[in-house]
Amino acid sequence: MNAGHLTRRQVLKHFGALGGSSLVIGAMDAWDLMGPESPSRPILSGMQPDTRVVILGGGLSGLTVGYELGKLGYNYQVLEARDWVGGLCWTVRRGAQHTEIGGETQICQFDEGQYFNAGAWRIPNRDQAVLGYCRELGVPLELFVNWSDANYFYEENAEIGPLSGQRVRLREVKADLWGSTTELLAKAADQGQIDVSLTEEDQELLIQFLVRAGYLDTEDYAYRPPTSRGSEERYDLSALLKSGFSSRVRSLYSGTGGPDPLFQPIGGMMQIPLAFQKVIGERIKLGAEVRSVSQTEDA
């Protein structure tokens, strides 16, 4: 192969062999071939006459491409290896089957009405593209409870210190972390030990904020666990930090998925690909495993 005439396709192929998809994606990003996350759908227009399009995969991306091409009048077909559409948007219900690589088939035995999202779980409020398709396709949504302050942390591990083997609620962790850290900061600010440029007025306002945020005593700035915590017995700051539970507490939001509100389709995430399937119809071919793709000379 002449190294002076390598195509980008050939380079990416070799990158994939050397470093897998991460190296390929990195190279494509360097070449500005990877589009950034978009909060809305792209506006497509125009059509190339006498063009047939084959879409490999009936996941959400493939279905979206087919749906948009169909609106432009393209002749297309979606090929999906499985016997259902959705890809990672798979909702498992009673009777759902999955065959492992070793050949063992698992059959879901849930009660009627129960389901489990085995892939994607939630839709961030910033994802206006997906929310827009749900609106357009008539997929009803409901709020997704991403995090509950009543949840427990529990771990049996001597390395996490005194809280090993104890059930600790998230609200207790949050209250005691905020309380203990704001207590330290308020006392330091009151004694002028914070190494930042604060006017006397700013210092007083900061202390007032810390008192409110951390449920501190207004006289000695000591943390007093509030009734909303659930009990008056506080956890030691050192124990909380050593436990690692504190890593789940953030200033903006807890957990993952983004700031509230989060959404989910009523009946499971698979309702979105099923809505696409209803519109696309027979252009989707299930059980169509693609084993090879040939590149022609004029492609």
C-alpha atoms as a PDB file:
ATOM      1  CA  MET A   1       0.000   0.000   0.000  1.00  0.00           C
ATOM      2  CA  ASN A   2       1.312   3.424  -0.944  1.00  0.00           C
ATOM      3  CA  ALA A   3       1.436   5.463   2.263  1.00  0.00           C
ATOM      4  CA  GLY A   4       1.328   8.652   0.221  1.00  0.00           C
ATOM      5  CA  HIS A   5      -2.144   7.851  -1.071  1.00  0.00           C
ATOM      6  CA  LEU A   6      -3.914   6.611   2.035  1.00  0.00           C
ATOM      7  CA  THR A   7      -7.562   7.553   2.257  1.00  0.00           C
ATOM      8  CA  ARG A   8      -9.203   8.557   5.507  1.00  0.00           C
ATOM      9  CA  ARG A   9     -11.241   5.371   5.334  1.00  0.00           C
ATOM     10  CA  GLN A  10      -8.056   3.283   5.182  1.00  0.00           C
ATOM     11  CA  VAL A  11      -6.447   5.198   8.037  1.00  0.00           C
ATOM     12  CA  LEU A  12      -9.520   4.741  10.229  1.00  0.00           C
ATOM     13  CA  LYS A  13      -9.590   1.035   9.379  1.00  0.00           C
ATOM     14  CA  HIS A  14      -6.004   0.630  10.601  1.00  0.00           C
ATOM     15  CA  PHE A  15      -6.725   2.751  13.690  1.00  0.00           C
ATOM     16  CA  GLY A  16      -9.617   0.448  14.495  1.00  0.00           C
ATOM     17  CA  ALA A  17      -7.365  -2.604  14.250  1.00  0.00           C
ATOM     18  CA  LEU A  18      -4.764  -0.986  16.501  1.00  0.00           C
ATOM     19  CA  GLY A  19      -6.819   0.768  19.143  1.00  0.00           C
ATOM     20  CA  GLY A  20     -10.467  -0.083  18.664  1.00  0.00           C
ATOM     21  CA  SER A  21     -13.378   2.318  18.453  1.00  0.00           C
ATOM     22  CA  SER A  22     -11.908   4.836  20.914  1.00  0.00           C
ATOM     23  CA  LEU A  23      -8.937   5.504  18.620  1.00  0.00           C
ATOM     24  CA  VAL A  24     -11.219   5.763  15.586  1.00  0.00           C
ATOM     25  CA  ILE A  25     -13.529   8.221  17.326  1.00  0.00           C
ATOM     26  CA  GLY A  26     -10.546  10.269  18.495  1.00  0.00           C
ATOM     27  CA  ALA A  27      -9.197  10.502  14.947  1.00  0.00           C
ATOM     28  CA  MET A  28     -12.606  11.424  13.539  1.00  0.00           C
ATOM     29  CA  ASP A  29     -12.966  14.086  16.183  1.00  0.00           C
ATOM     30  CA  ALA A  30      -9.550  15.514  15.267  1.00  0.00           C
ATOM     31  CA  TRP A  31     -10.672  15.685  11.640  1.00  0.00           C
ATOM     32  CA  ASP A  32     -13.893  17.403  12.710  1.00  0.00           C
ATOM     33  CA  LEU A  33     -15.946  14.462  11.482  1.00  0.00           C
ATOM     34  CA  MET A  34     -17.721  13.943  14.797  1.00  0.00           C
ATOM     35  CA  GLY A  35     -20.574  16.334  15.305  1.00  0.00           C
ATOM     36  CA  PRO A  36     -21.085  17.780  18.802  1.00  0.00           C
ATOM     37  CA  GLU A  37     -24.099  16.893  20.883  1.00  0.00           C
ATOM     38  CA  SER A  38     -27.047  18.797  19.498  1.00  0.00           C
ATOM     39  CA  PRO A  39     -29.962  19.933  21.635  1.00  0.00           C
ATOM     40  CA  SER A  40     -32.265  19.859  18.602  1.00  0.00           C
ATOM     41  CA  ARG A  41     -32.744  17.970  15.358  1.00  0.00           C
ATOM     42  CA  PRO A  42     -30.897  18.963  12.179  1.00  0.00           C
ATOM     43  CA  ILE A  43     -32.971  20.473   9.394  1.00  0.00           C
ATOM     44  CA  LEU A  44     -32.680  18.218   6.339  1.00  0.00           C
ATOM     45  CA  SER A  45     -33.676  19.118   2.799  1.00  0.00           C
ATOM     46  CA  GLY A  46     -33.158  17.937  -0.755  1.00  0.00           C
ATOM     47  CA  MET A  47     -32.984  14.488  -2.306  1.00  0.00           C
ATOM     48  CA  GLN A  48     -30.578  12.679  -4.618  1.00  0.00           C
ATOM     49  CA  PRO A  49     -32.682  11.065  -7.405  1.00  0.00           C
ATOM     50  CA  ASP A  50     -32.466   7.301  -7.998  1.00  0.00           C
ATOM     51  CA  THR A  51     -30.669   6.756  -4.702  1.00  0.00           C
ATOM     52  CA  ARG A  52     -31.329   3.738  -2.526  1.00  0.00           C
ATOM     53  CA  VAL A  53     -30.226   3.763   1.098  1.00  0.00           C
ATOM     54  CA  VAL A  54     -29.604   0.734   3.308  1.00  0.00           C
ATOM     55  CA  ILE A  55     -29.478   1.477   7.038  1.00  0.00           C
ATOM     56  CA  LEU A  56     -27.632  -1.075   9.144  1.00  0.00           C
ATOM     57  CA  GLY A  57     -29.247  -1.432  12.542  1.00  0.00           C
ATOM     58  CA  GLY A  58     -32.722  -0.737  13.824  1.00  0.00           C
ATOM     59  CA  GLY A  59     -31.636   1.076  16.946  1.00  0.00           C
ATOM     60  CA  LEU A  60     -32.789   4.579  17.723  1.00  0.00           C
ATOM     61  CA  SER A  61     -30.191   6.157  15.414  1.00  0.00           C
ATOM     62  CA  GLY A  62     -31.032   3.904  12.479  1.00  0.00           C
ATOM     63  CA  LEU A  63     -34.765   4.402  12.918  1.00  0.00           C
ATOM     64  CA  THR A  64     -34.307   8.162  13.130  1.00  0.00           C
ATOM     65  CA  VAL A  65     -32.285   8.204   9.894  1.00  0.00           C
ATOM     66  CA  GLY A  66     -34.930   6.125   8.135  1.00  0.00           C
ATOM     67  CA  TYR A  67     -37.744   8.292   9.439  1.00  0.00           C
ATOM     68  CA  GLU A  68     -36.088  11.501   8.255  1.00  0.00           C
ATOM     69  CA  LEU A  69     -35.080  10.055   4.866  1.00  0.00           C
ATOM     70  CA  GLY A  70     -38.623   8.825   4.392  1.00  0.00           C
ATOM     71  CA  LYS A  71     -39.970  12.334   4.857  1.00  0.00           C
ATOM     72  CA  LEU A  72     -37.643  13.467   2.045  1.00  0.00           C
ATOM     73  CA  GLY A  73     -38.913  10.726  -0.260  1.00  0.00           C
ATOM     74  CA  TYR A  74     -35.888   8.427  -0.258  1.00  0.00           C
ATOM     75  CA  ASN A  75     -36.124   4.725  -1.064  1.00  0.00           C
ATOM     76  CA  TYR A  76     -34.564   3.092   1.983  1.00  0.00           C
ATOM     77  CA  GLN A  77     -34.569  -0.041   4.087  1.00  0.00           C
ATOM     78  CA  VAL A  78     -33.552  -0.696   7.689  1.00  0.00           C
ATOM     79  CA  LEU A  79     -31.830  -4.021   8.378  1.00  0.00           C
ATOM     80  CA  GLU A  80     -31.949  -5.237  11.980  1.00  0.00           C
ATOM     81  CA  ALA A  81     -30.281  -8.474  13.104  1.00  0.00           C
ATOM     82  CA  ARG A  82     -32.559  -9.006  16.109  1.00  0.00           C
ATOM     83  CA  ASP A  83     -36.250  -9.775  15.995  1.00  0.00           C
ATOM     84  CA  TRP A  84     -37.142  -6.436  17.585  1.00  0.00           C
ATOM     85  CA  VAL A  85     -36.251  -2.787  17.060  1.00  0.00           C
ATOM     86  CA  GLY A  86     -34.770  -0.360  19.538  1.00  0.00           C
ATOM     87  CA  GLY A  87     -31.163  -1.366  20.117  1.00  0.00           C
ATOM     88  CA  LEU A  88     -30.287  -0.114  23.608  1.00  0.00           C
ATOM     89  CA  CYS A  89     -33.880   1.062  24.093  1.00  0.00           C
ATOM     90  CA  TRP A  90     -35.002  -2.427  25.102  1.00  0.00           C
ATOM     91  CA  THR A  91     -37.847  -2.855  27.557  1.00  0.00           C
ATOM     92  CA  VAL A  92     -38.063  -6.365  28.997  1.00  0.00           C
ATOM     93  CA  ARG A  93     -41.529  -7.752  29.735  1.00  0.00           C
ATOM     94  CA  ARG A  94     -42.973 -11.166  30.488  1.00  0.00           C
ATOM     95  CA  GLY A  95     -42.103 -13.522  27.654  1.00  0.00           C
ATOM     96  CA  ALA A  96     -39.154 -11.506  26.362  1.00  0.00           C
ATOM     97  CA  GLN A  97     -36.274 -13.748  25.323  1.00  0.00           C
ATOM     98  CA  HIS A  98     -32.547 -13.262  25.001  1.00  0.00           C
ATOM     99  CA  THR A  99     -30.010 -15.847  23.877  1.00  0.00           C
ATOM    100  CA  GLU A 100     -26.559 -15.551  25.404  1.00  0.00           C
ATOM    101  CA  ILE A 101     -23.355 -15.876  23.376  1.00  0.00           C
ATOM    102  CA  GLY A 102     -22.958 -19.407  24.721  1.00  0.00           C
ATOM    103  CA  GLY A 103     -26.376 -20.370  23.401  1.00  0.00           C
ATOM    104  CA  GLU A 104     -28.392 -20.296  26.639  1.00  0.00           C
ATOM    105  CA  THR A 105     -31.775 -18.604  26.241  1.00  0.00           C
ATOM    106  CA  GLN A 106     -33.178 -16.484  29.067  1.00  0.00           C
ATOM    107  CA  ILE A 107     -36.952 -15.969  29.216  1.00  0.00           C
ATOM    108  CA  CYS A 108     -38.426 -13.168  31.321  1.00  0.00           C
ATOM    109  CA  GLN A 109     -40.976 -14.334  33.912  1.00  0.00           C
ATOM    110  CA  PHE A 110     -42.209 -10.946  35.172  1.00  0.00           C
ATOM    111  CA  ASP A 111     -45.819 -10.577  36.278  1.00  0.00           C
ATOM    112  CA  GLU A 112     -48.153  -8.912  33.811  1.00  0.00           C
ATOM    113  CA  GLY A 113     -47.748  -5.139  33.810  1.00  0.00           C
ATOM    114  CA  GLN A 114     -44.187  -5.209  35.110  1.00  0.00           C
ATOM    115  CA  TYR A 115     -41.255  -4.226  32.933  1.00  0.00           C
ATOM    116  CA  PHE A 116     -37.572  -3.394  33.152  1.00  0.00           C
ATOM    117  CA  ASN A 117     -35.574  -1.047  30.927  1.00  0.00           C
ATOM    118  CA  ALA A 118     -32.518  -3.171  30.156  1.00  0.00           C
ATOM    119  CA  GLY A 119     -30.742  -0.358  28.314  1.00  0.00           C
ATOM    120  CA  ALA A 120     -31.516   3.344  28.273  1.00  0.00           C
ATOM    121  CA  TRP A 121     -33.561   4.509  31.250  1.00  0.00           C
ATOM    122  CA  ARG A 122     -34.241   8.220  31.068  1.00  0.00           C
ATOM    123  CA  ILE A 123     -34.381  11.343  28.919  1.00  0.00           C
ATOM    124  CA  PRO A 124     -32.637  14.521  30.174  1.00  0.00           C
ATOM    125  CA  ASN A 125     -34.687  17.695  29.871  1.00  0.00           C
ATOM    126  CA  ARG A 126     -31.943  19.213  27.701  1.00  0.00           C
ATOM    127  CA  ASP A 127     -32.359  16.519  25.035  1.00  0.00           C
ATOM    128  CA  GLN A 128     -34.844  18.457  22.959  1.00  0.00           C
ATOM    129  CA  ALA A 129     -34.223  16.230  19.917  1.00  0.00           C
ATOM    130  CA  VAL A 130     -35.596  13.090  21.598  1.00  0.00           C
ATOM    131  CA  LEU A 131     -38.347  15.024  23.355  1.00  0.00           C
ATOM    132  CA  GLY A 132     -39.292  16.521  19.999  1.00  0.00           C
ATOM    133  CA  TYR A 133     -39.624  13.100  18.384  1.00  0.00           C
ATOM    134  CA  CYS A 134     -41.733  11.893  21.313  1.00  0.00           C
ATOM    135  CA  ARG A 135     -44.042  14.845  20.767  1.00  0.00           C
ATOM    136  CA  GLU A 136     -44.145  14.298  17.004  1.00  0.00           C
ATOM    137  CA  LEU A 137     -44.774  10.551  17.243  1.00  0.00           C
ATOM    138  CA  GLY A 138     -47.271  10.790  20.093  1.00  0.00           C
ATOM    139  CA  VAL A 139     -45.198   9.001  22.747  1.00  0.00           C
ATOM    140  CA  PRO A 140     -46.568  10.014  26.183  1.00  0.00           C
ATOM    141  CA  LEU A 141     -43.968  10.794  28.840  1.00  0.00           C
ATOM    142  CA  GLU A 142     -43.853  10.805  32.624  1.00  0.00           C
ATOM    143  CA  LEU A 143     -41.359  12.072  35.177  1.00  0.00           C
ATOM    144  CA  PHE A 144     -38.450   9.783  36.011  1.00  0.00           C
ATOM    145  CA  VAL A 145     -37.497   9.694  39.694  1.00  0.00           C
ATOM    146  CA  ASN A 146     -33.738   9.676  39.306  1.00  0.00           C
ATOM    147  CA  TRP A 147     -32.751   9.969  42.941  1.00  0.00           C
ATOM    148  CA  SER A 148     -34.393   9.765  46.331  1.00  0.00           C
ATOM    149  CA  ASP A 149     -33.005  11.188  49.545  1.00  0.00           C
ATOM    150  CA  ALA A 150     -34.597   8.198  51.298  1.00  0.00           C
ATOM    151  CA  ASN A 151     -32.216   5.797  49.514  1.00  0.00           C
ATOM    152  CA  TYR A 152     -29.737   3.870  51.641  1.00  0.00           C
ATOM    153  CA  PHE A 153     -25.997   3.466  51.296  1.00  0.00           C
ATOM    154  CA  TYR A 154     -24.758   0.129  52.615  1.00  0.00           C
ATOM    155  CA  GLU A 155     -21.396  -1.581  52.302  1.00  0.00           C
ATOM    156  CA  GLU A 156     -19.615  -4.233  54.336  1.00  0.00           C
ATOM    157  CA  ASN A 157     -15.981  -3.305  53.891  1.00  0.00           C
ATOM    158  CA  ALA A 158     -13.493  -2.607  56.675  1.00  0.00           C
ATOM    159  CA  GLU A 159     -11.630  -0.200  54.419  1.00  0.00           C
ATOM    160  CA  ILE A 160     -14.483   2.340  54.495  1.00  0.00           C
ATOM    161  CA  GLY A 161     -14.162   2.793  58.236  1.00  0.00           C
ATOM    162  CA  PRO A 162     -16.779   3.171  60.986  1.00  0.00           C
ATOM    163  CA  LEU A 163     -19.742   3.188  58.591  1.00  0.00           C
ATOM    164  CA  SER A 164     -19.032  -0.320  57.313  1.00  0.00           C
ATOM    165  CA  GLY A 165     -22.104  -2.484  57.815  1.00  0.00           C
ATOM    166  CA  GLN A 166     -24.355   0.483  58.636  1.00  0.00           C
ATOM    167  CA  ARG A 167     -27.390   1.596  56.674  1.00  0.00           C
ATOM    168  CA  VAL A 168     -26.978   5.293  55.973  1.00  0.00           C
ATOM    169  CA  ARG A 169     -29.642   7.324  54.188  1.00  0.00           C
ATOM    170  CA  LEU A 170     -28.661   9.770  51.480  1.00  0.00           C
ATOM    171  CA  ARG A 171     -30.420  12.618  53.281  1.00  0.00           C
ATOM    172  CA  GLU A 172     -28.254  11.934  56.354  1.00  0.00           C
ATOM    173  CA  VAL A 173     -25.083  11.999  54.266  1.00  0.00           C
ATOM    174  CA  LYS A 174     -26.089  15.240  52.547  1.00  0.00           C
ATOM    175  CA  ALA A 175     -27.185  16.959  55.750  1.00  0.00           C
ATOM    176  CA  ASP A 176     -24.071  16.004  57.713  1.00  0.00           C
ATOM    177  CA  LEU A 177     -21.660  16.804  54.887  1.00  0.00           C
ATOM    178  CA  TRP A 178     -23.189  20.224  54.338  1.00  0.00           C
ATOM    179  CA  GLY A 179     -23.491  20.829  58.060  1.00  0.00           C
ATOM    180  CA  SER A 180     -19.949  19.825  58.951  1.00  0.00           C
ATOM    181  CA  THR A 181     -18.265  21.629  56.045  1.00  0.00           C
ATOM    182  CA  THR A 182     -20.295  24.810  56.446  1.00  0.00           C
ATOM    183  CA  GLU A 183     -19.551  24.742  60.185  1.00  0.00           C
ATOM    184  CA  LEU A 184     -15.815  24.655  59.459  1.00  0.00           C
ATOM    185  CA  LEU A 185     -16.086  27.403  56.864  1.00  0.00           C
ATOM    186  CA  ALA A 186     -18.322  29.650  58.976  1.00  0.00           C
ATOM    187  CA  LYS A 187     -15.989  29.437  61.984  1.00  0.00           C
ATOM    188  CA  ALA A 188     -12.982  30.152  59.768  1.00  0.00           C
ATOM    189  CA  ALA A 189     -14.733  33.116  58.154  1.00  0.00           C
ATOM    190  CA  ASP A 190     -15.773  34.491  61.542  1.00  0.00           C
ATOM    191  CA  GLN A 191     -12.148  34.379  62.693  1.00  0.00           C
ATOM    192  CA  GLY A 192     -10.850  35.963  59.485  1.00  0.00           C
ATOM    193  CA  GLN A 193      -8.944  32.846  58.496  1.00  0.00           C
ATOM    194  CA  ILE A 194     -10.208  32.585  54.912  1.00  0.00           C
ATOM    195  CA  ASP A 195      -7.477  33.578  52.487  1.00  0.00           C
ATOM    196  CA  VAL A 196      -9.691  35.486  50.045  1.00  0.00           C
ATOM    197  CA  SER A 197     -10.441  39.162  49.567  1.00  0.00           C
ATOM    198  CA  LEU A 198     -13.747  39.738  51.343  1.00  0.00           C
ATOM    199  CA  THR A 199     -15.082  42.989  52.648  1.00  0.00           C
ATOM    200  CA  GLU A 200     -16.474  42.970  56.160  1.00  0.00           C
ATOM    201  CA  GLU A 201     -19.987  43.116  54.703  1.00  0.00           C
ATOM    202  CA  ASP A 202     -19.287  40.212  52.317  1.00  0.00           C
ATOM    203  CA  GLN A 203     -17.889  38.177  55.188  1.00  0.00           C
ATOM    204  CA  GLU A 204     -21.057  38.705  57.216  1.00  0.00           C
ATOM    205  CA  LEU A 205     -23.260  37.795  54.244  1.00  0.00           C
ATOM    206  CA  LEU A 206     -21.194  34.650  53.647  1.00  0.00           C
ATOM    207  CA  ILE A 207     -21.635  33.581  57.261  1.00  0.00           C
ATOM    208  CA  GLN A 208     -25.393  34.185  57.019  1.00  0.00           C
ATOM    209  CA  PHE A 209     -25.535  31.975  53.918  1.00  0.00           C
ATOM    210  CA  LEU A 210     -23.529  29.220  55.595  1.00  0.00           C
ATOM    211  CA  VAL A 211     -25.778  29.314  58.661  1.00  0.00           C
ATOM    212  CA  ARG A 212     -28.860  28.806  56.471  1.00  0.00           C
ATOM    213  CA  ALA A 213     -27.269  26.231  54.139  1.00  0.00           C
ATOM    214  CA  GLY A 214     -25.777  24.073  56.876  1.00  0.00           C
ATOM    215  CA  TYR A 215     -28.388  24.442  59.627  1.00  0.00           C
ATOM    216  CA  LEU A 216     -25.830  26.064  61.918  1.00  0.00           C
ATOM    217  CA  ASP A 217     -26.425  27.648  65.289  1.00  0.00           C
ATOM    218  CA  THR A 218     -26.470  31.417  64.898  1.00  0.00           C
ATOM    219  CA  GLU A 219     -24.372  31.913  68.041  1.00  0.00           C
ATOM    220  CA  ASP A 220     -21.484  29.439  67.856  1.00  0.00           C
ATOM    221  CA  TYR A 221     -21.970  28.263  64.229  1.00  0.00           C
ATOM    222  CA  ALA A 222     -22.158  24.635  65.343  1.00  0.00           C
ATOM    223  CA  TYR A 223     -24.022  22.200  63.117  1.00  0.00           C
ATOM    224  CA  ARG A 224     -27.333  21.072  64.578  1.00  0.00           C
ATOM    225  CA  PRO A 225     -28.937  18.233  62.551  1.00  0.00           C
ATOM    226  CA  PRO A 226     -32.381  19.409  61.342  1.00  0.00           C
ATOM    227  CA  THR A 227     -35.568  17.381  61.854  1.00  0.00           C
ATOM    228  CA  SER A 228     -35.730  16.793  58.074  1.00  0.00           C
ATOM    229  CA  ARG A 229     -32.575  14.695  58.445  1.00  0.00           C
ATOM    230  CA  GLY A 230     -34.567  12.048  60.302  1.00  0.00           C
ATOM    231  CA  SER A 231     -32.591  11.923  63.557  1.00  0.00           C
ATOM    232  CA  GLU A 232     -30.491  14.244  65.678  1.00  0.00           C
ATOM    233  CA  GLU A 233     -27.463  11.940  65.823  1.00  0.00           C
ATOM    234  CA  ARG A 234     -24.919  13.115  63.261  1.00  0.00           C
ATOM    235  CA  TYR A 235     -22.199  11.143  61.515  1.00  0.00           C
ATOM    236  CA  ASP A 236     -18.614  12.232  61.997  1.00  0.00           C
ATOM    237  CA  LEU A 237     -17.218  14.139  59.012  1.00  0.00           C
ATOM    238  CA  SER A 238     -14.084  11.986  58.963  1.00  0.00           C
ATOM    239  CA  ALA A 239     -16.193   8.811  58.825  1.00  0.00           C
ATOM    240  CA  LEU A 240     -18.299  10.174  55.969  1.00  0.00           C
ATOM    241  CA  LEU A 241     -15.262  11.157  53.936  1.00  0.00           C
ATOM    242  CA  LYS A 242     -13.562   7.799  54.482  1.00  0.00           C
ATOM    243  CA  SER A 243     -16.707   5.861  53.565  1.00  0.00           C
ATOM    244  CA  GLY A 244     -16.772   7.266  50.049  1.00  0.00           C
ATOM    245  CA  PHE A 245     -20.496   8.002  50.354  1.00  0.00           C
ATOM    246  CA  SER A 246     -19.650  11.678  49.976  1.00  0.00           C
ATOM    247  CA  SER A 247     -18.639  11.082  46.346  1.00  0.00           C
ATOM    248  CA  ARG A 248     -22.341  10.714  45.488  1.00  0.00           C
ATOM    249  CA  VAL A 249     -23.239  14.196  46.701  1.00  0.00           C
ATOM    250  CA  ARG A 250     -22.938  17.114  44.298  1.00  0.00           C
ATOM    251  CA  SER A 251     -23.808  20.777  44.537  1.00  0.00           C
ATOM    252  CA  LEU A 252     -26.028  20.808  41.438  1.00  0.00           C
ATOM    253  CA  TYR A 253     -27.670  17.415  41.427  1.00  0.00           C
ATOM    254  CA  SER A 254     -27.235  13.923  42.810  1.00  0.00           C
ATOM    255  CA  GLY A 255     -26.528  10.837  40.773  1.00  0.00           C
ATOM    256  CA  THR A 256     -26.263  10.819  36.992  1.00  0.00           C
ATOM    257  CA  GLY A 257     -28.467  11.791  34.101  1.00  0.00           C
ATOM    258  CA  GLY A 258     -28.351  15.547  34.538  1.00  0.00           C
ATOM    259  CA  PRO A 259     -30.403  18.096  36.424  1.00  0.00           C
ATOM    260  CA  ASP A 260     -34.076  17.410  37.072  1.00  0.00           C
ATOM    261  CA  PRO A 261     -36.553  16.975  35.609  1.00  0.00           C
ATOM    262  CA  LEU A 262     -35.818  13.740  33.795  1.00  0.00           C
ATOM    263  CA  PHE A 263     -38.416  11.930  31.713  1.00  0.00           C
ATOM    264  CA  GLN A 264     -39.296   8.431  30.577  1.00  0.00           C
ATOM    265  CA  PRO A 265     -41.914   7.112  28.146  1.00  0.00           C
ATOM    266  CA  ILE A 266     -44.954   5.637  29.855  1.00  0.00           C
ATOM    267  CA  GLY A 267     -44.546   1.888  29.487  1.00  0.00           C
ATOM    268  CA  GLY A 268     -40.791   1.878  28.997  1.00  0.00           C
ATOM    269  CA  MET A 269     -38.105   3.333  26.750  1.00  0.00           C
ATOM    270  CA  MET A 270     -38.973   0.885  23.978  1.00  0.00           C
ATOM    271  CA  GLN A 271     -42.109   2.916  23.280  1.00  0.00           C
ATOM    272  CA  ILE A 272     -39.940   5.357  21.289  1.00  0.00           C
ATOM    273  CA  PRO A 273     -38.552   2.837  18.746  1.00  0.00           C
ATOM    274  CA  LEU A 274     -41.948   1.152  18.554  1.00  0.00           C
ATOM    275  CA  ALA A 275     -43.454   4.499  17.570  1.00  0.00           C
ATOM    276  CA  PHE A 276     -40.837   4.849  14.814  1.00  0.00           C
ATOM    277  CA  GLN A 277     -41.574   1.279  13.691  1.00  0.00           C
ATOM    278  CA  LYS A 278     -45.273   2.068  13.416  1.00  0.00           C
ATOM    279  CA  VAL A 279     -44.518   4.892  10.976  1.00  0.00           C
ATOM    280  CA  ILE A 280     -41.706   3.211   9.012  1.00  0.00           C
ATOM    281  CA  GLY A 281     -43.531  -0.104   8.722  1.00  0.00           C
ATOM    282  CA  GLU A 282     -42.383  -2.674   6.173  1.00  0.00           C
ATOM    283  CA  ARG A 283     -39.185  -0.797   5.373  1.00  0.00           C
ATOM    284  CA  ILE A 284     -37.765  -2.433   8.512  1.00  0.00           C
ATOM    285  CA  LYS A 285     -36.522  -5.992   8.003  1.00  0.00           C
ATOM    286  CA  LEU A 286     -35.998  -7.925  11.230  1.00  0.00           C
ATOM    287  CA  GLY A 287     -33.729 -10.933  11.604  1.00  0.00           C
ATOM    288  CA  ALA A 288     -31.456  -9.552   8.885  1.00  0.00           C
ATOM    289  CA  GLU A 289     -27.892 -10.072  10.098  1.00  0.00           C
ATOM    290  CA  VAL A 290     -25.335  -8.247   7.980  1.00  0.00           C
ATOM    291  CA  ARG A 291     -22.139 -10.300   7.871  1.00  0.00           C
ATOM    292  CA  SER A 292     -20.092  -8.276   5.405  1.00  0.00           C
ATOM    293  CA  VAL A 293     -20.084  -4.977   3.547  1.00  0.00           C
ATOM    294  CA  SER A 294     -18.280  -4.683   0.203  1.00  0.00           C
ATOM    295  CA  GLN A 295     -16.842  -1.413  -1.023  1.00  0.00           C
ATOM    296  CA  THR A 296     -17.243  -0.930  -4.790  1.00  0.00           C
ATOM    297  CA  GLU A 297     -14.758   0.933  -6.940  1.00  0.00           C
ATOM    298  CA  ASP A 298     -17.061   3.882  -7.647  1.00  0.00           C
ATOM    299  CA  ALA A 299     -18.331   4.348  -4.077  1.00  0.00           C
END
